[in-house]
Amino acid sequence: MNSATDIDWFDLAVGYLLLVLPLWAIAYFRTGLVKDTLIAIARMSVQLFLVGLYLEFIFKLNNIWINMLWVLLMVLFATYTIIGRSALSYKIYWFPLFSAIALSLIVVIGYCFIVILKPDYFFEARYLIPIAGMLLGNCIQSNIIGLNAYYSRLREDQLLYYYALANGATREEALIPFMRDALRKAANPAIASMAVIGLVSLPGMMTGQILGGSNPGVAIKYQIMIMIAIFTASLLTVVLTIFIANKFAFDDFDNFKSNAVKIL
């Protein structure tokens, strides 16, 4: 099959004219989002252009240490993004979150590579970096939703937590209702997305492979694999983050530290 048709730089520039419609809408209704939207679009464009240059170099070099360093940097940026968007304390949560994300990637990517993809070179850049990026992108969304739900409810329903402790529950047992609520809210978007794939939406990885010239059957198998990997990594990260963070967010008397979470 033929490779994807390249897009001329002038044609891509003309494509930005599509933004006139949404920008007009948010300006007309005085949402206050025009500046934020323009900044986000500019950042997206510059960042993707730079990433394209970096990845072209990294893919050609395909060095194990450079590949691992790139993934490590992505995990670090994801960690600080989640903490910032979840109103958590950097001092308390950066290590639990970084550890949870790194461990989830090791488990999920390791399983996919060893059992499913079986590449000749385990640290192949064209597999490792894109898959890690897709997993991290979805982990960010799930963790922001899950952690916000967990700590918001914990602040609002502290009496429920202390009531369970007063009746003989351990800290882990008393926190189960909060964990349950966090997992439900973190999992729902992914479950809804998986339920409509193929009927309502054609996901990005599958579409990209088809546009790039891959056989649709091959693209479908890759998409199924990546959706399962995304769902597993996202939920595993939420669970691990909360479990590890609980060791730092509570004192020796099972009291939730007031400085662990900013006012939500």
Protein backbone atom coordinates (compact mmCIF):
# COMPACT_ATOMS: atom_id res chain seq x y z
CA MET A 1 0.00 0.00 0.00
CA ASN A 2 1.11 3.61 -0.62
CA SER A 3 2.42 5.79 2.19
CA ALA A 4 0.45 8.77 3.45
CA THR A 5 0.22 11.84 1.24
CA ASP A 6 2.45 14.59 2.60
CA ILE A 7 0.86 17.94 3.55
CA ASP A 8 2.44 21.02 2.04
CA TRP A 9 3.46 23.68 4.59
CA PHE A 10 1.31 26.28 2.83
CA ASP A 11 -1.70 23.95 2.90
CA LEU A 12 -1.13 23.31 6.60
CA ALA A 13 -1.02 27.08 7.21
CA VAL A 14 -4.33 27.44 5.37
CA GLY A 15 -5.71 24.71 7.65
CA TYR A 16 -5.38 27.09 10.59
CA LEU A 17 -8.26 29.08 9.09
CA LEU A 18 -10.60 26.43 10.50
CA LEU A 19 -9.94 28.02 13.89
CA VAL A 20 -11.92 31.10 12.83
CA LEU A 21 -15.19 29.31 13.66
CA PRO A 22 -14.44 28.21 17.25
CA LEU A 23 -12.58 31.45 18.00
CA TRP A 24 -15.55 33.47 16.80
CA ALA A 25 -17.89 31.44 19.02
CA ILE A 26 -15.83 31.81 22.20
CA ALA A 27 -15.29 35.51 21.49
CA TYR A 28 -18.94 36.22 20.67
CA PHE A 29 -20.16 34.63 23.90
CA ARG A 30 -17.43 36.35 25.92
CA THR A 31 -16.04 33.16 27.43
CA GLY A 32 -12.67 34.76 28.13
CA LEU A 33 -10.93 31.83 26.42
CA VAL A 34 -9.64 33.52 23.26
CA LYS A 35 -6.20 34.27 24.68
CA ASP A 36 -5.88 30.83 26.31
CA THR A 37 -6.94 29.15 23.06
CA LEU A 38 -4.43 31.05 20.94
CA ILE A 39 -1.64 30.32 23.43
CA ALA A 40 -2.58 26.62 23.52
CA ILE A 41 -2.60 26.40 19.71
CA ALA A 42 0.74 28.18 19.45
CA ARG A 43 2.29 25.93 22.10
CA MET A 44 0.89 22.82 20.43
CA SER A 45 2.30 23.82 17.06
CA VAL A 46 5.77 24.70 18.34
CA GLN A 47 5.99 21.69 20.64
CA LEU A 48 4.92 19.23 17.93
CA PHE A 49 7.34 20.77 15.44
CA LEU A 50 10.23 20.43 17.92
CA VAL A 51 9.17 16.92 18.91
CA GLY A 52 9.11 15.97 15.24
CA LEU A 53 12.71 17.12 14.87
CA TYR A 54 13.77 15.36 18.08
CA LEU A 55 12.02 12.11 17.20
CA GLU A 56 13.50 12.01 13.72
CA PHE A 57 16.96 12.24 15.28
CA ILE A 58 16.13 9.78 18.10
CA PHE A 59 14.62 7.22 15.71
CA LYS A 60 17.73 7.29 13.53
CA LEU A 61 20.09 7.02 16.49
CA ASN A 62 17.95 4.40 18.30
CA ASN A 63 20.21 4.32 21.34
CA ILE A 64 18.94 2.51 24.45
CA TRP A 65 20.09 5.21 26.89
CA ILE A 66 18.69 8.09 24.86
CA ASN A 67 15.40 6.26 24.40
CA MET A 68 15.14 5.59 28.14
CA LEU A 69 16.08 9.18 28.99
CA TRP A 70 13.35 10.48 26.67
CA VAL A 71 10.73 8.26 28.32
CA LEU A 72 12.00 9.28 31.76
CA LEU A 73 11.58 12.96 30.86
CA MET A 74 8.04 12.27 29.63
CA VAL A 75 7.19 10.57 32.93
CA LEU A 76 8.65 13.52 34.85
CA PHE A 77 6.62 16.07 32.88
CA ALA A 78 3.48 13.95 33.27
CA THR A 79 4.05 13.77 37.03
CA TYR A 80 4.27 17.54 37.46
CA THR A 81 1.34 18.12 35.14
CA ILE A 82 -0.92 15.80 37.15
CA ILE A 83 0.16 17.29 40.49
CA GLY A 84 -0.41 20.83 39.25
CA ARG A 85 -3.84 20.05 37.80
CA SER A 86 -4.92 18.08 40.88
CA ALA A 87 -4.06 20.77 43.45
CA LEU A 88 -1.74 18.39 45.28
CA SER A 89 1.40 19.16 47.26
CA TYR A 90 4.53 18.72 45.12
CA LYS A 91 6.55 17.92 48.23
CA ILE A 92 4.31 15.01 49.23
CA TYR A 93 3.12 13.63 45.91
CA TRP A 94 5.89 13.88 43.33
CA PHE A 95 7.60 10.66 44.46
CA PRO A 96 4.41 8.54 44.81
CA LEU A 97 3.09 9.72 41.46
CA PHE A 98 6.40 9.40 39.62
CA SER A 99 6.88 5.89 41.05
CA ALA A 100 3.33 4.83 40.16
CA ILE A 101 3.59 6.07 36.57
CA ALA A 102 7.03 4.54 36.03
CA LEU A 103 5.98 1.18 37.49
CA SER A 104 2.79 1.12 35.41
CA LEU A 105 4.74 1.80 32.21
CA ILE A 106 7.27 -0.91 33.01
CA VAL A 107 4.53 -3.49 33.65
CA VAL A 108 2.28 -2.61 30.71
CA ILE A 109 4.94 -1.88 28.07
CA GLY A 110 6.99 -4.86 29.22
CA TYR A 111 4.00 -7.17 28.85
CA CYS A 112 3.05 -5.74 25.43
CA PHE A 113 6.59 -6.05 24.10
CA ILE A 114 7.37 -9.49 25.51
CA VAL A 115 4.01 -11.19 24.93
CA ILE A 116 2.38 -9.34 22.02
CA LEU A 117 4.68 -7.24 19.81
CA LYS A 118 7.91 -9.21 20.33
CA PRO A 119 10.23 -6.66 18.64
CA ASP A 120 13.76 -7.79 17.78
CA TYR A 121 15.10 -4.90 19.85
CA PHE A 122 13.22 -4.38 23.14
CA PHE A 123 14.08 -0.66 23.32
CA GLU A 124 13.18 0.05 19.67
CA ALA A 125 12.50 3.82 19.57
CA ARG A 126 9.66 3.66 17.03
CA TYR A 127 7.74 1.33 19.34
CA LEU A 128 8.83 2.44 22.82
CA ILE A 129 8.43 6.21 22.54
CA PRO A 130 5.04 6.42 20.73
CA ILE A 131 3.45 3.75 22.94
CA ALA A 132 4.83 5.35 26.11
CA GLY A 133 3.50 8.71 24.90
CA MET A 134 0.00 7.36 24.27
CA LEU A 135 -0.09 5.65 27.66
CA LEU A 136 1.14 8.75 29.47
CA GLY A 137 -1.32 11.05 27.72
CA ASN A 138 -4.23 8.96 28.92
CA CYS A 139 -2.70 8.39 32.36
CA ILE A 140 -2.62 12.16 32.85
CA GLN A 141 -6.34 12.48 32.19
CA SER A 142 -7.33 9.49 34.33
CA ASN A 143 -5.12 10.52 37.23
CA ILE A 144 -6.35 14.10 37.28
CA ILE A 145 -9.95 12.89 37.37
CA GLY A 146 -9.29 10.09 39.87
CA LEU A 147 -7.08 12.03 42.27
CA ASN A 148 -9.37 15.06 42.26
CA ALA A 149 -12.33 12.79 43.02
CA TYR A 150 -10.46 10.94 45.78
CA TYR A 151 -9.13 13.95 47.65
CA SER A 152 -12.17 16.16 47.09
CA ARG A 153 -14.42 13.58 48.68
CA LEU A 154 -11.91 12.88 51.43
CA ARG A 155 -11.94 16.56 52.39
CA GLU A 156 -15.72 16.81 52.17
CA ASP A 157 -16.53 13.54 53.99
CA GLN A 158 -13.80 13.35 56.61
CA LEU A 159 -16.40 12.48 59.23
CA LEU A 160 -17.20 9.29 57.30
CA TYR A 161 -13.52 8.38 57.32
CA TYR A 162 -13.12 9.05 61.06
CA TYR A 163 -16.39 7.25 61.82
CA ALA A 164 -15.02 4.13 60.13
CA LEU A 165 -11.78 4.41 62.10
CA ALA A 166 -13.72 4.86 65.36
CA ASN A 167 -15.58 1.64 64.64
CA GLY A 168 -12.41 -0.39 64.34
CA ALA A 169 -11.59 -0.08 60.63
CA THR A 170 -7.99 0.17 59.53
CA ARG A 171 -6.90 3.18 57.48
CA GLU A 172 -7.05 1.08 54.30
CA GLU A 173 -10.57 -0.16 55.11
CA ALA A 174 -11.81 3.33 55.98
CA LEU A 175 -10.52 4.67 52.67
CA ILE A 176 -12.22 2.04 50.48
CA PRO A 177 -15.35 4.18 49.76
CA PHE A 178 -13.12 7.05 48.61
CA MET A 179 -11.02 4.73 46.45
CA ARG A 180 -14.17 3.23 44.92
CA ASP A 181 -15.48 6.67 43.97
CA ALA A 182 -12.12 7.70 42.49
CA LEU A 183 -11.84 4.57 40.35
CA ARG A 184 -15.38 4.90 39.07
CA LYS A 185 -14.80 8.47 37.93
CA ALA A 186 -11.36 7.71 36.49
CA ALA A 187 -12.55 4.61 34.59
CA ASN A 188 -15.84 5.93 33.19
CA PRO A 189 -14.33 8.05 30.34
CA ALA A 190 -12.13 5.16 29.18
CA ILE A 191 -15.00 2.67 29.38
CA ALA A 192 -17.27 5.00 27.41
CA SER A 193 -14.57 5.54 24.81
CA MET A 194 -13.96 1.81 24.33
CA ALA A 195 -17.68 1.14 24.07
CA VAL A 196 -18.16 3.38 21.02
CA ILE A 197 -14.91 2.71 19.12
CA GLY A 198 -15.73 1.44 15.67
CA LEU A 199 -19.36 2.59 15.84
CA VAL A 200 -19.12 6.27 16.70
CA SER A 201 -15.41 7.01 16.51
CA LEU A 202 -12.32 5.79 14.70
CA PRO A 203 -9.40 6.21 17.15
CA GLY A 204 -6.27 8.12 16.34
CA MET A 205 -3.75 5.28 16.25
CA MET A 206 -5.85 3.19 13.87
CA THR A 207 -6.63 6.15 11.63
CA GLY A 208 -2.99 7.22 11.58
CA GLN A 209 -1.82 3.76 10.57
CA ILE A 210 -4.43 3.51 7.80
CA LEU A 211 -3.47 6.97 6.49
CA GLY A 212 0.16 5.86 6.66
CA GLY A 213 -0.57 2.91 4.38
CA SER A 214 -1.07 0.04 6.84
CA ASN A 215 -3.59 -2.69 6.19
CA PRO A 216 -6.84 -1.96 8.13
CA GLY A 217 -6.67 -5.42 9.71
CA VAL A 218 -3.20 -4.70 11.09
CA ALA A 219 -4.30 -1.25 12.28
CA ILE A 220 -7.28 -2.75 14.13
CA LYS A 221 -5.08 -5.25 16.00
CA TYR A 222 -2.71 -2.49 17.07
CA GLN A 223 -5.64 -0.33 18.19
CA ILE A 224 -7.14 -3.12 20.30
CA MET A 225 -3.76 -3.71 21.92
CA ILE A 226 -3.17 -0.03 22.69
CA MET A 227 -6.68 0.51 24.09
CA ILE A 228 -6.24 -2.40 26.50
CA ALA A 229 -2.79 -1.11 27.44
CA ILE A 230 -4.12 2.44 27.98
CA PHE A 231 -6.98 1.27 30.18
CA THR A 232 -4.69 -0.96 32.24
CA ALA A 233 -1.96 1.66 32.68
CA SER A 234 -4.43 4.44 33.53
CA LEU A 235 -6.24 2.54 36.27
CA LEU A 236 -3.07 0.91 37.59
CA THR A 237 -1.46 4.33 37.93
CA VAL A 238 -4.43 5.74 39.86
CA VAL A 239 -4.45 2.79 42.28
CA LEU A 240 -0.68 2.78 42.80
CA THR A 241 -0.52 6.55 43.25
CA ILE A 242 -3.18 6.54 45.95
CA PHE A 243 -1.70 3.53 47.75
CA ILE A 244 1.82 4.94 47.76
CA ALA A 245 0.67 8.50 48.54
CA ASN A 246 -1.32 7.29 51.54
CA LYS A 247 2.00 6.48 53.20
CA PHE A 248 2.93 10.18 53.01
CA ALA A 249 -0.42 11.98 53.19
CA PHE A 250 -1.41 10.65 56.64
CA ASP A 251 0.38 11.01 59.96
CA ASP A 252 1.14 8.25 62.46
CA PHE A 253 -2.35 8.67 63.98
CA ASP A 254 -4.14 8.21 60.62
CA ASN A 255 -4.99 11.91 60.37
CA PHE A 256 -5.01 13.36 56.86
CA LYS A 257 -2.32 16.05 56.65
CA SER A 258 -3.79 19.48 56.08
CA ASN A 259 -0.95 20.50 53.74
CA ALA A 260 -1.28 17.44 51.50
CA VAL A 261 -3.94 18.99 49.28
CA LYS A 262 -4.65 22.60 48.44
CA ILE A 263 -8.20 23.89 48.66
CA LEU A 264 -10.08 22.35 45.73
